[in-house]
Amino acid sequence: MNYKKDGFNGQRAIVLPKSIIHKFCLFNQVINKSYITDIGYYPKAKFHYRKRPIGSEQNILIYCVEGTGKVTIKANSFSIEPGDYFIIPTHIPHHYKSDEKSPWTIYWCHFKGEQADALVQAIISKGCSFKSKVEFTQERIDIFSNLYSNLEKGYSQENLMYVNILFLQYLSSFLFSERHSVSLKDDTDDFLEKSISYMQDHIDKNLTLADFATHVNYSASHFSYRFRHKTGFSPIEYFNQLKIQKACQYLQFTDFRINEIANKIGMNDAYYFARLFRKTMGFSPKGYRQSLTIGK
């Protein structure tokens, strides 16, 4: 059987840069006790397989909505069906795999912090198992989608605070599934939302400060001031973060060459792309791709 780490049609994944976690999560008292490090969605993930003999440095939550699979945590083995989820505390040996004939569709996340550890233990204790079942609700999926879409918008301190506070609600939907009810906030149509959406829609372009400002009818200086005030980054820095986020996904889910990926995110200079990638992610693009053999 040809197990593989990644590469499923429609897959989505975000790995937060360690530099961002260190800067905005570890020393932020609002979220440093529970914060996301990785998040993703794998549909019909045939041959998906992970084996970690010494466990992971993060807690792991995997929620199956379709298909089947198997998981072993310590000496406990479970069959996974739609509606099942399993949760793995840090440093606990485990392995899991999708069924070849009926591959699972999963929502997954890795997360850390003292509060996160306590929540994991509470979820396990309530179900008396690493595995349990919840009734499907669209609200839970909407929360996950909200988490993911906001992380796609970048790593401002305000955004990370919002995401990780919302993440507690996602975890609570498993801990208190019988009480699960959520009213999601409507998207606001302010200059920041418009600006970030514009960046996302033009990730393959080499845009300037003037381009961003013109899009929202601001002067360049006023736009730059307001954007930095809201996010903690200059518009170009933020745009580059989104580009590197997209590059990570290309590296994880495609076989594109490094220079091809650079072109796809609007960076024609592959050497500049490689330097920016290393500065952001702590790896060269090639090294990052090789690191993914460890898996998520």
Protein backbone atom coordinates (compact mmCIF):
# COMPACT_ATOMS: atom_id res chain seq x y z
CA MET A 1 0.00 0.00 0.00
CA ASN A 2 1.41 3.37 -1.01
CA TYR A 3 0.80 5.57 1.99
CA LYS A 4 1.54 9.24 1.43
CA LYS A 5 1.88 12.27 3.62
CA ASP A 6 0.05 14.92 1.63
CA GLY A 7 -1.56 15.68 -1.72
CA PHE A 8 -5.33 15.27 -1.71
CA ASN A 9 -7.61 17.05 -4.16
CA GLY A 10 -9.14 20.06 -2.42
CA GLN A 11 -6.81 19.91 0.58
CA ARG A 12 -6.17 23.04 2.60
CA ALA A 13 -3.55 23.63 5.28
CA ILE A 14 -1.86 26.47 7.11
CA VAL A 15 1.29 26.15 9.22
CA LEU A 16 1.93 29.24 11.32
CA PRO A 17 5.55 30.44 11.14
CA LYS A 18 7.45 29.84 14.35
CA SER A 19 8.55 33.47 14.33
CA ILE A 20 4.90 34.59 14.37
CA ILE A 21 4.02 32.17 17.19
CA HIS A 22 6.96 33.45 19.21
CA LYS A 23 6.17 37.10 18.59
CA PHE A 24 2.39 37.13 18.93
CA CYS A 25 1.32 33.99 20.81
CA LEU A 26 3.89 32.96 23.42
CA PHE A 27 4.00 36.33 25.16
CA ASN A 28 0.41 37.43 24.67
CA GLN A 29 -1.39 36.76 27.95
CA VAL A 30 -4.76 36.68 26.18
CA ILE A 31 -3.91 33.64 24.03
CA ASN A 32 -0.61 32.14 25.20
CA LYS A 33 -2.36 29.37 27.11
CA SER A 34 -4.19 28.09 24.02
CA TYR A 35 -3.18 28.80 20.44
CA ILE A 36 -3.28 27.10 17.04
CA THR A 37 -0.02 26.09 15.37
CA ASP A 38 -1.41 24.22 12.32
CA ILE A 39 -4.84 23.77 10.78
CA GLY A 40 -6.25 22.05 7.72
CA TYR A 41 -8.91 20.15 5.83
CA TYR A 42 -8.30 16.91 3.90
CA PRO A 43 -11.21 15.68 1.73
CA LYS A 44 -11.35 12.01 0.73
CA ALA A 45 -7.75 11.64 1.85
CA LYS A 46 -6.88 8.26 0.35
CA PHE A 47 -3.66 6.77 1.76
CA HIS A 48 -3.43 9.51 4.44
CA TYR A 49 -1.16 8.11 7.13
CA ARG A 50 0.81 9.38 10.12
CA LYS A 51 3.02 7.56 12.60
CA ARG A 52 4.69 9.40 15.48
CA PRO A 53 6.44 6.95 17.85
CA ILE A 54 7.20 9.72 20.37
CA GLY A 55 4.07 11.76 19.72
CA SER A 56 3.78 15.38 18.67
CA GLU A 57 4.86 18.60 20.35
CA GLN A 58 1.28 19.83 19.91
CA ASN A 59 -2.13 18.51 20.87
CA ILE A 60 -4.02 17.15 17.85
CA LEU A 61 -7.76 17.12 17.17
CA ILE A 62 -9.08 15.32 14.08
CA TYR A 63 -12.79 15.37 13.20
CA CYS A 64 -14.11 12.95 10.57
CA VAL A 65 -17.23 13.93 8.60
CA GLU A 66 -17.08 11.32 5.82
CA GLY A 67 -15.40 7.98 5.15
CA THR A 68 -13.55 5.80 7.61
CA GLY A 69 -10.13 5.19 9.10
CA LYS A 70 -8.26 3.80 12.07
CA VAL A 71 -6.22 5.31 14.89
CA THR A 72 -4.03 3.85 17.62
CA ILE A 73 -3.17 6.06 20.60
CA LYS A 74 -0.85 4.43 23.12
CA ALA A 75 -2.21 0.86 23.14
CA ASN A 76 -5.78 1.89 22.32
CA SER A 77 -7.04 1.21 18.79
CA PHE A 78 -10.21 2.72 17.34
CA SER A 79 -12.17 2.57 14.12
CA ILE A 80 -13.20 6.01 12.90
CA GLU A 81 -16.52 6.71 11.16
CA PRO A 82 -18.39 9.88 10.16
CA GLY A 83 -19.17 11.94 13.26
CA ASP A 84 -16.22 10.55 15.18
CA TYR A 85 -13.33 12.66 16.39
CA PHE A 86 -10.17 11.76 18.21
CA ILE A 87 -7.88 13.88 20.30
CA ILE A 88 -4.21 13.19 21.01
CA PRO A 89 -2.36 14.95 23.84
CA THR A 90 1.22 16.10 23.39
CA HIS A 91 4.02 13.50 23.39
CA ILE A 92 1.64 10.51 23.23
CA PRO A 93 2.73 7.82 20.71
CA HIS A 94 0.17 7.32 17.97
CA HIS A 95 -0.50 6.42 14.39
CA TYR A 96 -3.55 6.76 12.19
CA LYS A 97 -4.59 6.08 8.62
CA SER A 98 -7.45 6.63 6.25
CA ASP A 99 -9.29 3.64 4.83
CA GLU A 100 -8.22 2.88 1.26
CA LYS A 101 -11.69 1.96 -0.02
CA SER A 102 -13.62 4.61 1.91
CA PRO A 103 -11.09 7.38 2.62
CA TRP A 104 -11.95 9.82 5.33
CA THR A 105 -12.65 13.53 5.04
CA ILE A 106 -11.22 15.29 8.07
CA TYR A 107 -10.89 18.67 9.70
CA TRP A 108 -7.71 18.79 11.77
CA CYS A 109 -5.75 21.17 13.98
CA HIS A 110 -2.63 21.23 16.12
CA PHE A 111 -2.56 23.48 19.17
CA LYS A 112 -0.53 24.23 22.29
CA GLY A 113 -0.64 25.94 25.68
CA GLU A 114 -1.52 25.14 29.30
CA GLN A 115 -5.22 25.83 28.82
CA ALA A 116 -5.18 23.77 25.63
CA ASP A 117 -3.65 20.85 27.56
CA ALA A 118 -6.35 21.14 30.23
CA LEU A 119 -9.13 21.27 27.61
CA VAL A 120 -7.73 18.16 25.95
CA GLN A 121 -7.82 16.29 29.25
CA ALA A 122 -11.37 17.52 29.92
CA ILE A 123 -12.56 16.28 26.52
CA ILE A 124 -10.90 12.90 27.05
CA SER A 125 -12.28 12.60 30.58
CA LYS A 126 -15.82 13.47 29.55
CA GLY A 127 -15.87 10.81 26.85
CA CYS A 128 -13.70 8.39 28.85
CA SER A 129 -11.72 7.87 25.67
CA PHE A 130 -9.39 9.46 23.14
CA LYS A 131 -12.21 8.97 20.63
CA SER A 132 -15.79 10.17 20.81
CA LYS A 133 -18.70 11.17 18.57
CA VAL A 134 -20.60 14.41 18.02
CA GLU A 135 -23.75 15.16 16.10
CA PHE A 136 -22.99 17.03 12.89
CA THR A 137 -23.83 20.73 12.96
CA GLN A 138 -23.13 23.25 10.24
CA GLU A 139 -22.22 25.75 12.95
CA ARG A 140 -19.16 23.72 13.93
CA ILE A 141 -17.98 23.63 10.32
CA ASP A 142 -18.65 27.36 10.01
CA ILE A 143 -16.44 28.07 13.03
CA PHE A 144 -13.64 26.00 11.49
CA SER A 145 -14.06 27.81 8.17
CA ASN A 146 -13.97 31.13 10.00
CA LEU A 147 -10.75 30.12 11.76
CA TYR A 148 -9.15 29.09 8.50
CA SER A 149 -10.30 32.06 6.41
CA ASN A 150 -9.09 34.51 9.03
CA LEU A 151 -5.67 32.86 9.22
CA GLU A 152 -5.52 33.17 5.44
CA LYS A 153 -5.78 36.93 5.95
CA GLY A 154 -2.44 37.03 7.76
CA TYR A 155 -0.86 37.17 11.17
CA SER A 156 -1.60 40.53 12.75
CA GLN A 157 -1.79 40.43 16.53
CA GLU A 158 -5.46 41.42 16.43
CA ASN A 159 -6.24 38.67 13.94
CA LEU A 160 -4.40 36.00 15.94
CA MET A 161 -6.17 37.06 19.11
CA TYR A 162 -9.53 36.79 17.38
CA VAL A 163 -8.72 33.40 15.83
CA ASN A 164 -7.45 31.84 19.04
CA ILE A 165 -10.31 33.13 21.14
CA LEU A 166 -12.71 31.74 18.52
CA PHE A 167 -10.74 28.49 18.62
CA LEU A 168 -11.87 27.99 22.21
CA GLN A 169 -15.44 27.99 20.92
CA TYR A 170 -14.48 25.34 18.38
CA LEU A 171 -13.02 23.18 21.15
CA SER A 172 -16.09 23.77 23.30
CA SER A 173 -18.27 22.37 20.50
CA PHE A 174 -16.63 19.01 21.22
CA LEU A 175 -16.46 19.33 25.00
CA PHE A 176 -20.07 20.58 25.26
CA SER A 177 -21.54 19.24 22.05
CA GLU A 178 -25.02 19.02 23.56
CA ARG A 179 -25.02 22.75 24.21
CA HIS A 180 -23.38 23.75 20.97
CA SER A 181 -24.94 26.86 19.50
CA VAL A 182 -23.24 29.72 17.75
CA SER A 183 -24.18 32.96 16.09
CA LEU A 184 -21.46 33.99 13.68
CA LYS A 185 -20.56 37.60 13.12
CA ASP A 186 -21.29 39.01 9.68
CA ASP A 187 -18.23 40.00 7.73
CA THR A 188 -17.54 43.69 8.00
CA ASP A 189 -16.89 45.67 4.84
CA ASP A 190 -14.26 48.08 6.13
CA PHE A 191 -11.03 49.22 4.53
CA LEU A 192 -8.97 46.45 6.15
CA GLU A 193 -11.25 43.66 4.90
CA LYS A 194 -11.26 45.18 1.43
CA SER A 195 -7.48 45.56 1.47
CA ILE A 196 -6.76 42.00 2.57
CA SER A 197 -9.27 40.56 0.10
CA TYR A 198 -7.57 42.58 -2.64
CA MET A 199 -4.21 41.15 -1.57
CA GLN A 200 -5.58 37.62 -1.62
CA ASP A 201 -7.15 38.09 -5.05
CA HIS A 202 -3.86 39.41 -6.46
CA ILE A 203 -1.41 37.13 -4.68
CA ASP A 204 0.25 36.42 -8.03
CA LYS A 205 0.95 40.09 -8.70
CA ASN A 206 3.73 42.46 -7.65
CA LEU A 207 1.55 45.23 -6.19
CA THR A 208 2.69 48.49 -4.61
CA LEU A 209 1.53 50.60 -1.70
CA ALA A 210 -0.12 52.93 -4.21
CA ASP A 211 -2.13 50.02 -5.66
CA PHE A 212 -3.51 49.10 -2.23
CA ALA A 213 -4.32 52.70 -1.32
CA THR A 214 -6.04 53.40 -4.62
CA HIS A 215 -8.24 50.32 -4.22
CA VAL A 216 -9.81 51.78 -1.06
CA ASN A 217 -9.62 55.43 -2.16
CA TYR A 218 -6.99 56.45 0.41
CA SER A 219 -3.79 58.36 0.02
CA ALA A 220 -0.73 56.14 0.27
CA SER A 221 0.45 57.74 3.51
CA HIS A 222 -2.94 57.56 5.22
CA PHE A 223 -3.50 53.99 4.07
CA SER A 224 -0.07 52.91 5.30
CA TYR A 225 -0.65 54.52 8.70
CA ARG A 226 -4.09 52.97 9.20
CA PHE A 227 -3.03 49.54 7.95
CA ARG A 228 -0.01 49.40 10.26
CA HIS A 229 -2.11 50.65 13.17
CA LYS A 230 -4.64 47.84 12.59
CA THR A 231 -2.24 44.97 11.88
CA GLY A 232 1.18 45.87 13.27
CA PHE A 233 2.72 45.43 9.81
CA SER A 234 3.25 47.61 6.77
CA PRO A 235 0.99 46.72 3.81
CA ILE A 236 3.91 45.28 1.85
CA GLU A 237 5.08 43.18 4.80
CA TYR A 238 1.56 41.84 5.22
CA PHE A 239 1.21 41.12 1.51
CA ASN A 240 4.50 39.22 1.59
CA GLN A 241 3.28 37.14 4.54
CA LEU A 242 0.24 36.10 2.50
CA LYS A 243 2.50 35.26 -0.42
CA ILE A 244 4.68 33.05 1.78
CA GLN A 245 1.56 31.38 3.20
CA LYS A 246 0.47 30.53 -0.35
CA ALA A 247 4.00 29.36 -1.18
CA CYS A 248 3.87 26.95 1.78
CA GLN A 249 0.72 25.44 0.36
CA TYR A 250 2.31 25.02 -3.08
CA LEU A 251 5.33 23.37 -1.45
CA GLN A 252 3.13 21.02 0.56
CA PHE A 253 0.54 20.09 -2.02
CA THR A 254 2.23 20.36 -5.44
CA ASP A 255 5.38 19.33 -7.23
CA PHE A 256 6.05 22.81 -8.64
CA ARG A 257 9.70 23.81 -8.75
CA ILE A 258 10.88 26.61 -6.49
CA ASN A 259 11.13 29.14 -9.31
CA GLU A 260 7.64 28.18 -10.51
CA ILE A 261 6.23 28.82 -7.05
CA ALA A 262 8.04 32.16 -6.89
CA ASN A 263 6.39 33.18 -10.16
CA LYS A 264 2.97 32.03 -8.98
CA ILE A 265 3.14 34.43 -6.03
CA GLY A 266 4.39 37.33 -8.12
CA MET A 267 8.09 37.10 -7.24
CA ASN A 268 10.15 36.80 -10.40
CA ASP A 269 13.42 36.82 -8.46
CA ALA A 270 13.75 33.29 -7.05
CA TYR A 271 16.71 34.31 -4.87
CA TYR A 272 14.71 37.09 -3.24
CA PHE A 273 11.82 34.66 -2.74
CA ALA A 274 14.14 32.14 -1.07
CA ARG A 275 15.58 34.79 1.28
CA LEU A 276 12.12 36.06 2.23
CA PHE A 277 10.83 32.52 2.74
CA ARG A 278 13.72 31.63 5.06
CA LYS A 279 13.27 34.85 7.02
CA THR A 280 9.55 34.14 7.50
CA MET A 281 9.44 30.37 7.98
CA GLY A 282 12.92 29.60 9.33
CA PHE A 283 13.60 27.17 6.46
CA SER A 284 14.65 27.48 2.86
CA PRO A 285 11.80 26.52 0.49
CA LYS A 286 13.56 23.23 -0.23
CA GLY A 287 14.14 22.60 3.47
CA TYR A 288 10.51 23.36 4.26
CA ARG A 289 9.31 20.87 1.65
CA GLN A 290 11.65 18.23 3.06
CA SER A 291 10.41 18.93 6.62
CA LEU A 292 6.89 18.02 5.55
CA THR A 293 7.87 14.36 5.44
CA ILE A 294 7.27 14.49 9.20
CA GLY A 295 3.66 15.32 8.41
CA LYS A 296 0.85 17.11 10.15
